[in-house]
N, C-alpha and C. Protein backbone atom coordinates (compact mmCIF):
# COMPACT_ATOMS: atom_id res chain seq x y z
N MET A 1 -22.04 27.24 104.40
CA MET A 1 -22.20 26.97 105.83
C MET A 1 -21.08 26.09 106.32
N ALA A 2 -20.74 25.03 105.55
CA ALA A 2 -19.67 24.11 105.96
C ALA A 2 -18.35 24.83 105.98
N ALA A 3 -18.09 25.69 104.96
CA ALA A 3 -16.82 26.42 104.90
C ALA A 3 -16.69 27.33 106.09
N THR A 4 -17.79 28.01 106.47
CA THR A 4 -17.75 28.91 107.61
C THR A 4 -17.46 28.15 108.89
N LEU A 5 -18.06 26.98 109.03
CA LEU A 5 -17.85 26.17 110.22
C LEU A 5 -16.41 25.73 110.31
N VAL A 6 -15.84 25.31 109.19
CA VAL A 6 -14.44 24.86 109.18
C VAL A 6 -13.53 26.00 109.58
N ALA A 7 -13.74 27.19 108.99
CA ALA A 7 -12.87 28.32 109.30
C ALA A 7 -12.97 28.68 110.76
N THR A 8 -14.17 28.66 111.31
CA THR A 8 -14.35 29.02 112.71
C THR A 8 -13.64 28.05 113.62
N MET A 9 -13.72 26.78 113.32
CA MET A 9 -13.10 25.77 114.17
C MET A 9 -11.59 25.85 114.09
N VAL A 10 -11.07 26.06 112.91
CA VAL A 10 -9.63 26.07 112.75
C VAL A 10 -9.03 27.33 113.33
N LEU A 11 -9.70 28.44 113.24
CA LEU A 11 -9.17 29.70 113.74
C LEU A 11 -9.14 29.74 115.25
N ALA A 12 -9.88 28.86 115.91
CA ALA A 12 -9.83 28.84 117.36
C ALA A 12 -8.47 28.37 117.82
N ALA A 13 -7.97 28.95 118.91
CA ALA A 13 -6.62 28.64 119.37
C ALA A 13 -6.47 27.15 119.62
N CYS A 14 -5.43 26.55 118.99
CA CYS A 14 -5.11 25.14 119.16
C CYS A 14 -6.29 24.23 118.84
N SER A 15 -7.17 24.67 117.98
CA SER A 15 -8.34 23.86 117.66
C SER A 15 -8.02 22.89 116.55
N THR A 16 -8.87 21.93 116.37
CA THR A 16 -8.71 20.91 115.34
C THR A 16 -10.01 20.79 114.57
N SER A 17 -9.89 20.68 113.24
CA SER A 17 -11.05 20.44 112.39
C SER A 17 -10.69 19.31 111.46
N GLN A 18 -11.68 18.52 111.08
CA GLN A 18 -11.34 17.40 110.20
C GLN A 18 -12.54 17.02 109.34
N GLY A 19 -12.21 16.32 108.26
CA GLY A 19 -13.20 15.73 107.39
C GLY A 19 -12.82 14.28 107.15
N PRO A 20 -13.51 13.58 106.27
CA PRO A 20 -13.20 12.16 106.03
C PRO A 20 -11.77 11.94 105.55
N THR A 21 -11.24 12.89 104.79
CA THR A 21 -9.90 12.67 104.21
C THR A 21 -8.94 13.79 104.53
N TRP A 22 -9.23 14.61 105.53
CA TRP A 22 -8.30 15.70 105.86
C TRP A 22 -8.49 16.12 107.31
N ASN A 23 -7.46 16.67 107.86
CA ASN A 23 -7.48 17.26 109.20
C ASN A 23 -6.93 18.68 109.11
N GLY A 24 -7.49 19.60 109.87
CA GLY A 24 -6.99 20.97 109.89
C GLY A 24 -6.63 21.39 111.30
N TYR A 25 -5.54 22.10 111.43
CA TYR A 25 -5.05 22.51 112.75
C TYR A 25 -4.68 23.99 112.74
N SER A 26 -4.80 24.60 113.88
CA SER A 26 -4.22 25.92 114.11
C SER A 26 -2.93 25.71 114.87
N VAL A 27 -1.82 26.22 114.35
CA VAL A 27 -0.51 25.97 114.97
C VAL A 27 0.18 27.31 115.25
N GLY A 28 1.07 27.26 116.24
CA GLY A 28 1.88 28.43 116.55
C GLY A 28 3.29 28.26 116.02
N LEU A 29 3.84 29.30 115.45
CA LEU A 29 5.19 29.26 114.91
C LEU A 29 6.19 29.72 115.97
N PRO A 30 7.46 29.34 115.82
CA PRO A 30 8.47 29.76 116.81
C PRO A 30 8.57 31.27 116.97
N ASN A 31 8.23 32.02 115.93
CA ASN A 31 8.33 33.48 116.04
C ASN A 31 7.09 34.10 116.67
N GLY A 32 6.17 33.27 117.15
CA GLY A 32 4.98 33.78 117.80
C GLY A 32 3.82 34.04 116.88
N GLN A 33 4.01 33.92 115.57
CA GLN A 33 2.92 34.13 114.64
C GLN A 33 2.03 32.89 114.57
N ARG A 34 0.83 33.10 114.06
CA ARG A 34 -0.13 32.00 113.96
C ARG A 34 -0.16 31.47 112.54
N ALA A 35 -0.28 30.16 112.42
CA ALA A 35 -0.35 29.52 111.10
C ALA A 35 -1.37 28.38 111.18
N PHE A 36 -1.57 27.74 110.03
CA PHE A 36 -2.53 26.64 109.93
C PHE A 36 -1.88 25.47 109.22
N ARG A 37 -2.41 24.28 109.50
CA ARG A 37 -1.88 23.07 108.87
C ARG A 37 -3.06 22.20 108.43
N VAL A 38 -2.95 21.70 107.20
CA VAL A 38 -3.96 20.78 106.66
C VAL A 38 -3.25 19.49 106.26
N ASP A 39 -3.73 18.35 106.79
CA ASP A 39 -3.24 17.02 106.40
C ASP A 39 -4.28 16.37 105.49
N CYS A 40 -3.86 15.94 104.29
CA CYS A 40 -4.75 15.27 103.35
C CYS A 40 -4.29 13.81 103.25
N HIS A 41 -5.10 12.87 103.77
CA HIS A 41 -4.61 11.50 103.91
C HIS A 41 -5.44 10.48 103.15
N GLY A 42 -6.39 10.92 102.34
CA GLY A 42 -7.15 9.96 101.55
C GLY A 42 -6.31 9.38 100.40
N ILE A 43 -6.73 8.24 99.89
CA ILE A 43 -5.98 7.60 98.80
C ILE A 43 -5.95 8.51 97.58
N PHE A 44 -7.07 9.16 97.33
CA PHE A 44 -7.15 10.01 96.14
C PHE A 44 -7.02 11.50 96.49
N GLU A 45 -6.65 11.74 97.71
CA GLU A 45 -6.51 13.14 98.11
C GLU A 45 -5.06 13.59 97.94
N GLY A 46 -4.87 14.85 97.80
CA GLY A 46 -3.51 15.36 97.62
C GLY A 46 -3.51 16.87 97.59
N GLN A 47 -2.73 17.37 96.66
CA GLN A 47 -2.50 18.81 96.62
C GLN A 47 -3.79 19.59 96.45
N GLY A 48 -4.68 19.15 95.57
CA GLY A 48 -5.91 19.89 95.32
C GLY A 48 -6.75 20.01 96.58
N THR A 49 -6.88 18.91 97.32
CA THR A 49 -7.69 18.94 98.54
C THR A 49 -7.07 19.85 99.58
N CYS A 50 -5.74 19.73 99.77
CA CYS A 50 -5.07 20.56 100.77
C CYS A 50 -5.25 22.04 100.46
N TYR A 51 -5.04 22.42 99.20
CA TYR A 51 -5.16 23.83 98.85
C TYR A 51 -6.60 24.30 98.90
N SER A 52 -7.54 23.41 98.58
CA SER A 52 -8.94 23.78 98.64
C SER A 52 -9.35 24.08 100.08
N LYS A 53 -8.92 23.22 101.03
CA LYS A 53 -9.26 23.45 102.43
C LYS A 53 -8.54 24.69 102.96
N ALA A 54 -7.32 24.89 102.50
CA ALA A 54 -6.59 26.09 102.93
C ALA A 54 -7.31 27.34 102.46
N ALA A 55 -7.85 27.32 101.22
CA ALA A 55 -8.57 28.47 100.70
C ALA A 55 -9.84 28.73 101.51
N GLU A 56 -10.51 27.65 101.95
CA GLU A 56 -11.70 27.83 102.77
C GLU A 56 -11.34 28.49 104.10
N ILE A 57 -10.22 28.07 104.67
CA ILE A 57 -9.81 28.64 105.96
C ILE A 57 -9.46 30.11 105.82
N CYS A 58 -8.74 30.46 104.75
CA CYS A 58 -8.29 31.84 104.58
C CYS A 58 -9.38 32.77 104.08
N GLY A 59 -10.48 32.20 103.57
CA GLY A 59 -11.55 33.04 103.09
C GLY A 59 -11.10 33.89 101.91
N ASN A 60 -11.21 35.23 102.03
CA ASN A 60 -10.85 36.11 100.92
C ASN A 60 -9.38 36.54 100.95
N GLN A 61 -8.61 35.92 101.82
CA GLN A 61 -7.17 36.21 101.86
C GLN A 61 -6.40 35.14 101.09
N GLN A 62 -5.23 35.51 100.60
CA GLN A 62 -4.44 34.54 99.85
C GLN A 62 -3.84 33.50 100.78
N VAL A 63 -3.63 32.29 100.22
CA VAL A 63 -2.97 31.20 100.96
C VAL A 63 -1.47 31.34 100.72
N ARG A 64 -0.72 31.43 101.81
CA ARG A 64 0.73 31.58 101.70
C ARG A 64 1.40 30.37 102.34
N PRO A 65 1.82 29.38 101.51
CA PRO A 65 2.43 28.16 102.06
C PRO A 65 3.72 28.48 102.82
N ILE A 66 3.89 27.79 103.92
CA ILE A 66 5.14 27.86 104.68
C ILE A 66 5.93 26.57 104.51
N GLU A 67 5.20 25.43 104.49
CA GLU A 67 5.86 24.13 104.32
C GLU A 67 4.90 23.20 103.59
N GLN A 68 5.43 22.43 102.62
CA GLN A 68 4.64 21.47 101.87
C GLN A 68 5.35 20.11 101.95
N VAL A 69 4.61 19.10 102.32
CA VAL A 69 5.19 17.77 102.47
C VAL A 69 4.46 16.81 101.53
N ALA A 70 5.23 16.12 100.67
CA ALA A 70 4.67 15.13 99.76
C ALA A 70 4.76 13.74 100.40
N PRO A 71 4.16 12.72 99.78
CA PRO A 71 4.28 11.37 100.32
C PRO A 71 5.74 10.94 100.40
N LEU A 72 6.00 9.95 101.21
CA LEU A 72 7.35 9.44 101.44
C LEU A 72 8.04 9.13 100.12
N ALA A 73 9.28 9.58 99.99
CA ALA A 73 10.14 9.33 98.82
C ALA A 73 9.72 10.13 97.60
N ASP A 74 8.74 10.99 97.74
CA ASP A 74 8.33 11.83 96.61
C ASP A 74 8.97 13.20 96.81
N THR A 75 9.93 13.51 96.00
CA THR A 75 10.66 14.78 96.17
C THR A 75 10.00 15.92 95.43
N ASP A 76 9.04 15.65 94.57
CA ASP A 76 8.36 16.73 93.85
C ASP A 76 7.18 17.21 94.68
N THR A 77 7.42 18.14 95.59
CA THR A 77 6.37 18.56 96.52
C THR A 77 5.27 19.36 95.85
N THR A 78 5.56 19.89 94.67
CA THR A 78 4.52 20.68 94.00
C THR A 78 3.50 19.79 93.29
N ARG A 79 3.83 18.46 93.16
CA ARG A 79 2.93 17.60 92.40
C ARG A 79 1.86 16.96 93.29
N ASP A 80 2.21 16.60 94.53
CA ASP A 80 1.27 15.84 95.35
C ASP A 80 1.49 16.19 96.82
N VAL A 81 0.98 17.35 97.23
CA VAL A 81 1.17 17.79 98.60
C VAL A 81 0.17 17.09 99.50
N ARG A 82 0.63 16.48 100.59
CA ARG A 82 -0.24 15.81 101.54
C ARG A 82 -0.32 16.56 102.88
N VAL A 83 0.70 17.36 103.20
CA VAL A 83 0.68 18.16 104.43
C VAL A 83 1.04 19.59 104.03
N LEU A 84 0.16 20.51 104.33
CA LEU A 84 0.38 21.91 103.94
C LEU A 84 0.28 22.79 105.18
N THR A 85 1.37 23.44 105.50
CA THR A 85 1.37 24.44 106.57
C THR A 85 1.39 25.81 105.91
N PHE A 86 0.51 26.70 106.36
CA PHE A 86 0.36 27.96 105.63
C PHE A 86 -0.11 29.05 106.58
N GLN A 87 -0.03 30.27 106.08
CA GLN A 87 -0.62 31.43 106.73
C GLN A 87 -1.53 32.13 105.73
N CYS A 88 -2.42 32.93 106.24
CA CYS A 88 -3.35 33.66 105.39
C CYS A 88 -2.87 35.11 105.24
N GLY A 89 -2.99 35.59 104.01
CA GLY A 89 -2.61 36.98 103.75
C GLY A 89 -1.21 37.08 103.17
N PRO A 90 -0.86 38.25 102.68
CA PRO A 90 0.46 38.43 102.07
C PRO A 90 1.57 38.33 103.11
N ALA A 91 2.75 38.02 102.65
CA ALA A 91 3.90 37.92 103.55
C ALA A 91 4.18 39.29 104.16
N PRO A 92 4.49 39.32 105.44
CA PRO A 92 4.82 40.61 106.06
C PRO A 92 6.07 41.21 105.42
N GLN A 93 6.02 42.48 105.21
CA GLN A 93 7.18 43.16 104.63
C GLN A 93 8.27 43.33 105.69
N PRO A 94 9.50 43.09 105.29
CA PRO A 94 10.58 43.30 106.27
C PRO A 94 10.62 44.75 106.71
N ALA A 95 10.94 44.91 107.95
CA ALA A 95 11.00 46.27 108.49
C ALA A 95 12.05 47.08 107.74
N GLN A 96 11.64 48.24 107.32
CA GLN A 96 12.57 49.12 106.63
C GLN A 96 13.50 49.79 107.64
N PRO A 97 14.77 49.84 107.31
CA PRO A 97 15.68 50.52 108.25
C PRO A 97 15.31 51.99 108.38
N ALA A 98 15.45 52.47 109.57
CA ALA A 98 15.14 53.88 109.80
C ALA A 98 16.04 54.75 108.93
N PRO A 99 15.47 55.73 108.29
CA PRO A 99 16.31 56.60 107.44
C PRO A 99 17.39 57.28 108.27
N GLN A 100 18.56 57.26 107.73
CA GLN A 100 19.67 57.91 108.42
C GLN A 100 19.55 59.42 108.25
N PRO A 101 19.78 60.13 109.32
CA PRO A 101 19.70 61.59 109.18
C PRO A 101 20.75 62.10 108.21
N VAL A 102 20.32 63.01 107.39
CA VAL A 102 21.25 63.61 106.43
C VAL A 102 22.16 64.58 107.18
N PRO A 103 23.44 64.36 107.10
CA PRO A 103 24.32 65.27 107.84
C PRO A 103 24.18 66.70 107.33
N VAL A 104 24.07 67.58 108.26
CA VAL A 104 23.94 69.00 107.90
C VAL A 104 25.34 69.58 107.72
N PRO A 105 25.61 70.10 106.54
CA PRO A 105 26.96 70.66 106.35
C PRO A 105 27.19 71.82 107.29
N PRO A 106 28.40 71.94 107.77
CA PRO A 106 28.67 73.07 108.67
C PRO A 106 28.50 74.39 107.93
N PRO A 107 28.08 75.39 108.65
CA PRO A 107 27.90 76.69 107.98
C PRO A 107 29.24 77.21 107.48
N PRO A 108 29.19 77.94 106.40
CA PRO A 108 30.46 78.48 105.88
C PRO A 108 31.07 79.44 106.88
N PRO A 109 32.35 79.50 106.90
CA PRO A 109 32.99 80.44 107.85
C PRO A 109 32.61 81.87 107.51
N PRO A 110 32.46 82.68 108.53
CA PRO A 110 32.10 84.08 108.25
C PRO A 110 33.21 84.77 107.47
N PRO A 111 32.83 85.73 106.66
CA PRO A 111 33.87 86.45 105.90
C PRO A 111 34.81 87.17 106.87
N PRO A 112 36.04 87.28 106.49
CA PRO A 112 36.97 87.96 107.39
C PRO A 112 36.55 89.40 107.63
N ALA A 113 36.70 89.80 108.86
CA ALA A 113 36.34 91.17 109.20
C ALA A 113 37.27 92.14 108.49
N PRO A 114 36.70 93.24 108.03
CA PRO A 114 37.58 94.24 107.38
C PRO A 114 38.59 94.76 108.38
N PRO A 115 39.77 95.06 107.92
CA PRO A 115 40.79 95.56 108.85
C PRO A 115 40.35 96.86 109.50
N ALA A 116 40.71 96.98 110.75
CA ALA A 116 40.36 98.20 111.48
C ALA A 116 41.10 99.39 110.87
N PRO A 117 40.43 100.53 110.84
CA PRO A 117 41.12 101.72 110.30
C PRO A 117 42.40 102.00 111.07
N LYS A 118 43.41 102.38 110.34
CA LYS A 118 44.69 102.73 110.95
C LYS A 118 45.05 104.14 110.53
N HIS A 119 45.70 104.80 111.45
CA HIS A 119 46.11 106.18 111.17
C HIS A 119 47.57 106.34 111.56
N VAL A 120 48.36 106.80 110.62
CA VAL A 120 49.79 107.00 110.84
C VAL A 120 50.15 108.40 110.36
N THR A 121 50.96 109.07 111.16
CA THR A 121 51.43 110.41 110.79
C THR A 121 52.95 110.41 110.71
N LEU A 122 53.45 110.91 109.59
CA LEU A 122 54.89 111.13 109.43
C LEU A 122 55.13 112.63 109.54
N ALA A 123 55.88 113.03 110.53
CA ALA A 123 56.08 114.47 110.75
C ALA A 123 57.55 114.74 111.08
N GLY A 124 57.95 115.99 110.90
CA GLY A 124 59.29 116.41 111.28
C GLY A 124 60.27 116.39 110.13
N ASP A 125 61.47 116.89 110.44
CA ASP A 125 62.50 117.00 109.41
C ASP A 125 63.04 115.65 108.99
N ALA A 126 62.77 114.57 109.78
CA ALA A 126 63.27 113.24 109.41
C ALA A 126 62.48 112.64 108.26
N THR A 127 61.37 113.24 107.87
CA THR A 127 60.54 112.68 106.81
C THR A 127 61.01 113.14 105.43
N PHE A 128 61.18 114.42 105.25
CA PHE A 128 61.61 114.97 103.96
C PHE A 128 62.71 116.00 104.21
N ASP A 129 63.57 116.15 103.24
CA ASP A 129 64.49 117.29 103.27
C ASP A 129 63.69 118.57 103.02
N THR A 130 64.31 119.69 103.38
CA THR A 130 63.63 120.97 103.21
C THR A 130 63.24 121.20 101.75
N ASP A 131 61.97 121.53 101.58
CA ASP A 131 61.42 121.85 100.26
C ASP A 131 61.56 120.70 99.26
N LYS A 132 61.62 119.45 99.78
CA LYS A 132 61.74 118.28 98.92
C LYS A 132 60.57 117.32 99.17
N ALA A 133 60.33 116.45 98.19
CA ALA A 133 59.27 115.43 98.33
C ALA A 133 59.85 114.02 98.34
N THR A 134 61.18 113.92 98.49
CA THR A 134 61.83 112.61 98.51
C THR A 134 61.89 112.09 99.95
N LEU A 135 61.46 110.87 100.16
CA LEU A 135 61.43 110.30 101.50
C LEU A 135 62.84 110.07 102.03
N ARG A 136 63.04 110.43 103.29
CA ARG A 136 64.31 110.17 103.95
C ARG A 136 64.30 108.73 104.51
N PRO A 137 65.47 108.19 104.86
CA PRO A 137 65.54 106.80 105.37
C PRO A 137 64.65 106.55 106.58
N ASP A 138 64.59 107.49 107.52
CA ASP A 138 63.74 107.28 108.70
C ASP A 138 62.27 107.14 108.30
N ALA A 139 61.85 107.93 107.34
CA ALA A 139 60.46 107.85 106.87
C ALA A 139 60.19 106.52 106.18
N ARG A 140 61.15 106.08 105.36
CA ARG A 140 60.97 104.78 104.69
C ARG A 140 60.90 103.64 105.70
N ALA A 141 61.68 103.72 106.77
CA ALA A 141 61.65 102.68 107.80
C ALA A 141 60.27 102.62 108.48
N LYS A 142 59.69 103.78 108.74
CA LYS A 142 58.36 103.80 109.35
C LYS A 142 57.31 103.22 108.39
N LEU A 143 57.44 103.55 107.12
CA LEU A 143 56.49 103.00 106.14
C LEU A 143 56.67 101.50 105.98
N ASP A 144 57.90 101.01 106.03
CA ASP A 144 58.14 99.56 105.95
C ASP A 144 57.49 98.84 107.13
N ALA A 145 57.59 99.43 108.32
CA ALA A 145 56.95 98.82 109.49
C ALA A 145 55.44 98.77 109.32
N LEU A 146 54.87 99.84 108.76
CA LEU A 146 53.42 99.85 108.51
C LEU A 146 53.03 98.76 107.52
N ILE A 147 53.81 98.60 106.46
CA ILE A 147 53.51 97.57 105.46
C ILE A 147 53.58 96.18 106.08
N ASP A 148 54.57 95.93 106.94
CA ASP A 148 54.69 94.62 107.59
C ASP A 148 53.50 94.35 108.50
N GLN A 149 53.04 95.35 109.22
CA GLN A 149 51.89 95.16 110.12
C GLN A 149 50.61 94.86 109.34
N ALA A 150 50.52 95.37 108.14
CA ALA A 150 49.30 95.18 107.32
C ALA A 150 49.42 94.00 106.37
N ARG A 151 50.45 93.18 106.54
CA ARG A 151 50.64 92.04 105.64
C ARG A 151 49.43 91.10 105.71
N GLY A 152 48.90 90.69 104.56
CA GLY A 152 47.76 89.79 104.50
C GLY A 152 46.41 90.50 104.52
N MET A 153 46.40 91.80 104.71
CA MET A 153 45.15 92.57 104.72
C MET A 153 45.04 93.38 103.43
N THR A 154 43.80 93.56 103.01
CA THR A 154 43.52 94.41 101.85
C THR A 154 42.58 95.52 102.30
N PHE A 155 42.99 96.72 102.13
CA PHE A 155 42.19 97.87 102.55
C PHE A 155 41.35 98.38 101.37
N ASN A 156 40.22 98.95 101.72
CA ASN A 156 39.40 99.55 100.67
C ASN A 156 40.05 100.83 100.14
N THR A 157 40.44 101.68 101.05
CA THR A 157 40.99 102.98 100.65
C THR A 157 42.18 103.34 101.54
N VAL A 158 43.23 103.80 100.92
CA VAL A 158 44.35 104.40 101.65
C VAL A 158 44.39 105.87 101.24
N THR A 159 44.18 106.71 102.23
CA THR A 159 44.17 108.15 101.98
C THR A 159 45.45 108.77 102.55
N VAL A 160 46.14 109.54 101.72
CA VAL A 160 47.38 110.19 102.14
C VAL A 160 47.21 111.70 101.94
N ASN A 161 47.28 112.45 103.05
CA ASN A 161 47.12 113.90 103.02
C ASN A 161 48.45 114.56 103.39
N GLY A 162 48.89 115.50 102.56
CA GLY A 162 50.14 116.21 102.82
C GLY A 162 49.91 117.63 103.32
N TYR A 163 50.83 118.08 104.23
CA TYR A 163 50.72 119.42 104.81
C TYR A 163 52.12 120.05 104.87
N THR A 164 52.15 121.38 104.92
CA THR A 164 53.41 122.12 105.09
C THR A 164 53.26 123.10 106.25
N ASP A 165 54.38 123.75 106.59
CA ASP A 165 54.26 124.85 107.55
C ASP A 165 53.85 126.12 106.79
N SER A 166 53.84 127.21 107.48
CA SER A 166 53.29 128.44 106.88
C SER A 166 54.31 129.23 106.06
N ARG A 167 55.56 128.80 106.06
CA ARG A 167 56.53 129.53 105.25
C ARG A 167 56.32 129.22 103.78
N GLY A 168 56.58 130.17 102.93
CA GLY A 168 56.38 130.00 101.50
C GLY A 168 55.00 130.44 101.08
N SER A 169 54.84 130.58 99.77
CA SER A 169 53.55 131.02 99.25
C SER A 169 52.52 129.90 99.33
N ALA A 170 51.28 130.29 99.28
CA ALA A 170 50.20 129.29 99.35
C ALA A 170 50.27 128.32 98.18
N ALA A 171 50.53 128.86 96.97
CA ALA A 171 50.59 127.99 95.79
C ALA A 171 51.76 127.02 95.90
N HIS A 172 52.91 127.53 96.36
CA HIS A 172 54.08 126.65 96.50
C HIS A 172 53.81 125.55 97.54
N ASN A 173 53.26 125.96 98.66
CA ASN A 173 53.00 124.97 99.72
C ASN A 173 51.96 123.93 99.28
N MET A 174 50.98 124.37 98.51
CA MET A 174 49.96 123.42 98.04
C MET A 174 50.60 122.37 97.13
N GLY A 175 51.43 122.81 96.19
CA GLY A 175 52.08 121.85 95.30
C GLY A 175 53.03 120.94 96.03
N LEU A 176 53.79 121.48 97.00
CA LEU A 176 54.74 120.67 97.77
C LEU A 176 54.01 119.61 98.60
N SER A 177 52.91 120.01 99.23
CA SER A 177 52.16 119.05 100.06
C SER A 177 51.57 117.93 99.20
N GLU A 178 51.14 118.26 97.99
CA GLU A 178 50.59 117.23 97.10
C GLU A 178 51.68 116.26 96.66
N ARG A 179 52.86 116.77 96.34
CA ARG A 179 53.95 115.89 95.90
C ARG A 179 54.39 114.97 97.04
N ARG A 180 54.45 115.48 98.24
CA ARG A 180 54.84 114.65 99.38
C ARG A 180 53.79 113.54 99.63
N ALA A 181 52.52 113.88 99.52
CA ALA A 181 51.47 112.85 99.69
C ALA A 181 51.60 111.78 98.61
N GLN A 182 51.86 112.21 97.37
CA GLN A 182 52.01 111.24 96.28
C GLN A 182 53.25 110.37 96.49
N SER A 183 54.31 110.95 97.02
CA SER A 183 55.53 110.18 97.26
C SER A 183 55.28 109.07 98.27
N VAL A 184 54.55 109.37 99.34
CA VAL A 184 54.24 108.36 100.36
C VAL A 184 53.32 107.28 99.79
N ALA A 185 52.28 107.67 99.08
CA ALA A 185 51.34 106.69 98.52
C ALA A 185 52.04 105.78 97.53
N GLN A 186 52.91 106.34 96.71
CA GLN A 186 53.63 105.52 95.74
C GLN A 186 54.54 104.51 96.43
N TYR A 187 55.19 104.93 97.50
CA TYR A 187 56.06 104.00 98.23
C TYR A 187 55.25 102.85 98.83
N LEU A 188 54.14 103.17 99.44
CA LEU A 188 53.29 102.12 100.02
C LEU A 188 52.83 101.14 98.95
N HIS A 189 52.38 101.66 97.84
CA HIS A 189 51.89 100.80 96.75
C HIS A 189 53.01 99.92 96.20
N ASP A 190 54.16 100.51 95.96
CA ASP A 190 55.26 99.77 95.33
C ASP A 190 55.86 98.72 96.25
N HIS A 191 55.69 98.87 97.57
CA HIS A 191 56.31 97.95 98.51
C HIS A 191 55.31 96.98 99.14
N GLY A 192 54.14 96.84 98.52
CA GLY A 192 53.27 95.71 98.86
C GLY A 192 52.08 95.99 99.73
N LEU A 193 51.78 97.23 100.06
CA LEU A 193 50.56 97.49 100.82
C LEU A 193 49.36 97.27 99.90
N GLN A 194 48.43 96.39 100.30
CA GLN A 194 47.29 96.03 99.46
C GLN A 194 46.10 96.95 99.74
N ALA A 195 45.64 97.61 98.70
CA ALA A 195 44.47 98.48 98.83
C ALA A 195 43.77 98.55 97.48
N LYS A 196 42.44 98.72 97.53
CA LYS A 196 41.68 98.83 96.29
C LYS A 196 41.94 100.17 95.60
N ARG A 197 42.21 101.18 96.37
CA ARG A 197 42.57 102.46 95.75
C ARG A 197 43.39 103.30 96.73
N PHE A 198 44.20 104.15 96.17
CA PHE A 198 44.99 105.12 96.92
C PHE A 198 44.52 106.52 96.54
N GLU A 199 44.31 107.36 97.53
CA GLU A 199 43.89 108.74 97.30
C GLU A 199 44.92 109.67 97.93
N THR A 200 45.36 110.66 97.19
CA THR A 200 46.32 111.63 97.71
C THR A 200 45.75 113.04 97.58
N ARG A 201 46.03 113.85 98.59
CA ARG A 201 45.56 115.23 98.59
C ARG A 201 46.60 116.12 99.28
N GLY A 202 46.74 117.31 98.80
CA GLY A 202 47.62 118.30 99.42
C GLY A 202 46.83 119.45 99.98
N PHE A 203 47.16 119.85 101.21
CA PHE A 203 46.42 120.93 101.87
C PHE A 203 47.31 122.13 102.21
N GLY A 204 48.55 122.11 101.76
CA GLY A 204 49.43 123.24 102.02
C GLY A 204 49.61 123.49 103.50
N ALA A 205 49.51 124.77 103.88
CA ALA A 205 49.72 125.15 105.28
C ALA A 205 48.44 125.13 106.10
N SER A 206 47.33 124.69 105.51
CA SER A 206 46.07 124.68 106.25
C SER A 206 46.08 123.58 107.32
N ASP A 207 45.19 123.76 108.29
CA ASP A 207 44.98 122.77 109.35
C ASP A 207 46.27 122.45 110.12
N PRO A 208 46.95 123.42 110.66
CA PRO A 208 48.17 123.13 111.43
C PRO A 208 47.83 122.42 112.73
N VAL A 209 48.76 121.61 113.21
CA VAL A 209 48.57 120.91 114.49
C VAL A 209 49.41 121.54 115.59
N ALA A 210 50.23 122.50 115.24
CA ALA A 210 51.07 123.19 116.22
C ALA A 210 51.29 124.62 115.73
N THR A 211 51.94 125.42 116.54
CA THR A 211 52.20 126.81 116.15
C THR A 211 53.29 126.88 115.09
N ASN A 212 53.14 127.80 114.19
CA ASN A 212 54.16 128.04 113.18
C ASN A 212 55.18 129.10 113.63
N ALA A 213 55.08 129.55 114.88
CA ALA A 213 55.98 130.58 115.38
C ALA A 213 57.30 130.00 115.87
N THR A 214 57.38 128.69 116.05
CA THR A 214 58.60 128.05 116.53
C THR A 214 59.03 126.98 115.54
N ALA A 215 60.32 126.65 115.59
CA ALA A 215 60.85 125.61 114.71
C ALA A 215 60.23 124.26 115.03
N ALA A 216 60.05 123.97 116.31
CA ALA A 216 59.46 122.69 116.70
C ALA A 216 58.02 122.59 116.22
N GLY A 217 57.27 123.69 116.33
CA GLY A 217 55.89 123.68 115.87
C GLY A 217 55.81 123.52 114.37
N ARG A 218 56.69 124.24 113.66
CA ARG A 218 56.68 124.11 112.20
C ARG A 218 57.03 122.69 111.76
N ALA A 219 57.93 122.02 112.49
CA ALA A 219 58.30 120.64 112.15
C ALA A 219 57.09 119.71 112.29
N GLN A 220 56.23 119.96 113.28
CA GLN A 220 55.03 119.13 113.44
C GLN A 220 54.02 119.40 112.32
N ASN A 221 53.99 120.63 111.84
CA ASN A 221 53.03 120.95 110.78
C ASN A 221 53.47 120.42 109.42
N ARG A 222 54.79 120.21 109.25
CA ARG A 222 55.27 119.60 107.99
C ARG A 222 55.07 118.08 108.13
N ARG A 223 53.96 117.60 107.68
CA ARG A 223 53.61 116.21 107.98
C ARG A 223 52.84 115.59 106.83
N VAL A 224 52.74 114.26 106.91
CA VAL A 224 51.88 113.49 106.00
C VAL A 224 51.03 112.57 106.87
N ASP A 225 49.72 112.66 106.72
CA ASP A 225 48.79 111.79 107.47
C ASP A 225 48.32 110.66 106.56
N ILE A 226 48.41 109.44 107.07
CA ILE A 226 48.01 108.24 106.30
C ILE A 226 46.84 107.59 107.04
N THR A 227 45.75 107.37 106.34
CA THR A 227 44.60 106.67 106.91
C THR A 227 44.30 105.46 106.05
N LEU A 228 44.25 104.28 106.69
CA LEU A 228 43.97 103.02 105.98
C LEU A 228 42.60 102.52 106.42
N GLU A 229 41.70 102.34 105.47
CA GLU A 229 40.33 101.90 105.78
C GLU A 229 39.97 100.69 104.94
């Protein structure tokens, strides 16, 4: 009953409680928190009395000393405490810093777009000599320009199709068109055009793009078609 009365009196704002050899106070701290103070002033009173009264005030909470004062000239405050300022309960935990957001790595760059299909046709007498599969200078210049334009790109497939005009036998024209297609593909490969594979085909005189009745038409039909994909 006495302990309850003491706790009630001391917990009241700015209240004072006392006994024959001690005084108890409710005090405010500069940070706005509430604390308690017990003065033990009897001849035989000291640390035990102060802590005993503090325990009564805190009830089932722990006594957390804030300041302990011993008698004058006594520097060992743990031996004979006469003034005890304390709070009840465990010390407040320092505020934890807010977790920093984890930086999200930038998305990887998209893969480079595959090169757009290109189609090039080499036609006319400037490409090959008559009945030959050797590239003429004008044809090599056109192929060099194509290689320069495709610098830095890798194609999946380069298809080279060879054609002839209608003069000559079908078997002869088929073989000639195949050799011309192979000659172009080999030049592209050897001079740096990047591709996963090269495909060559000869079609002879089939699929003409102009009439074979005139020299100009036959020159257009003697051609090599290049498709880069």
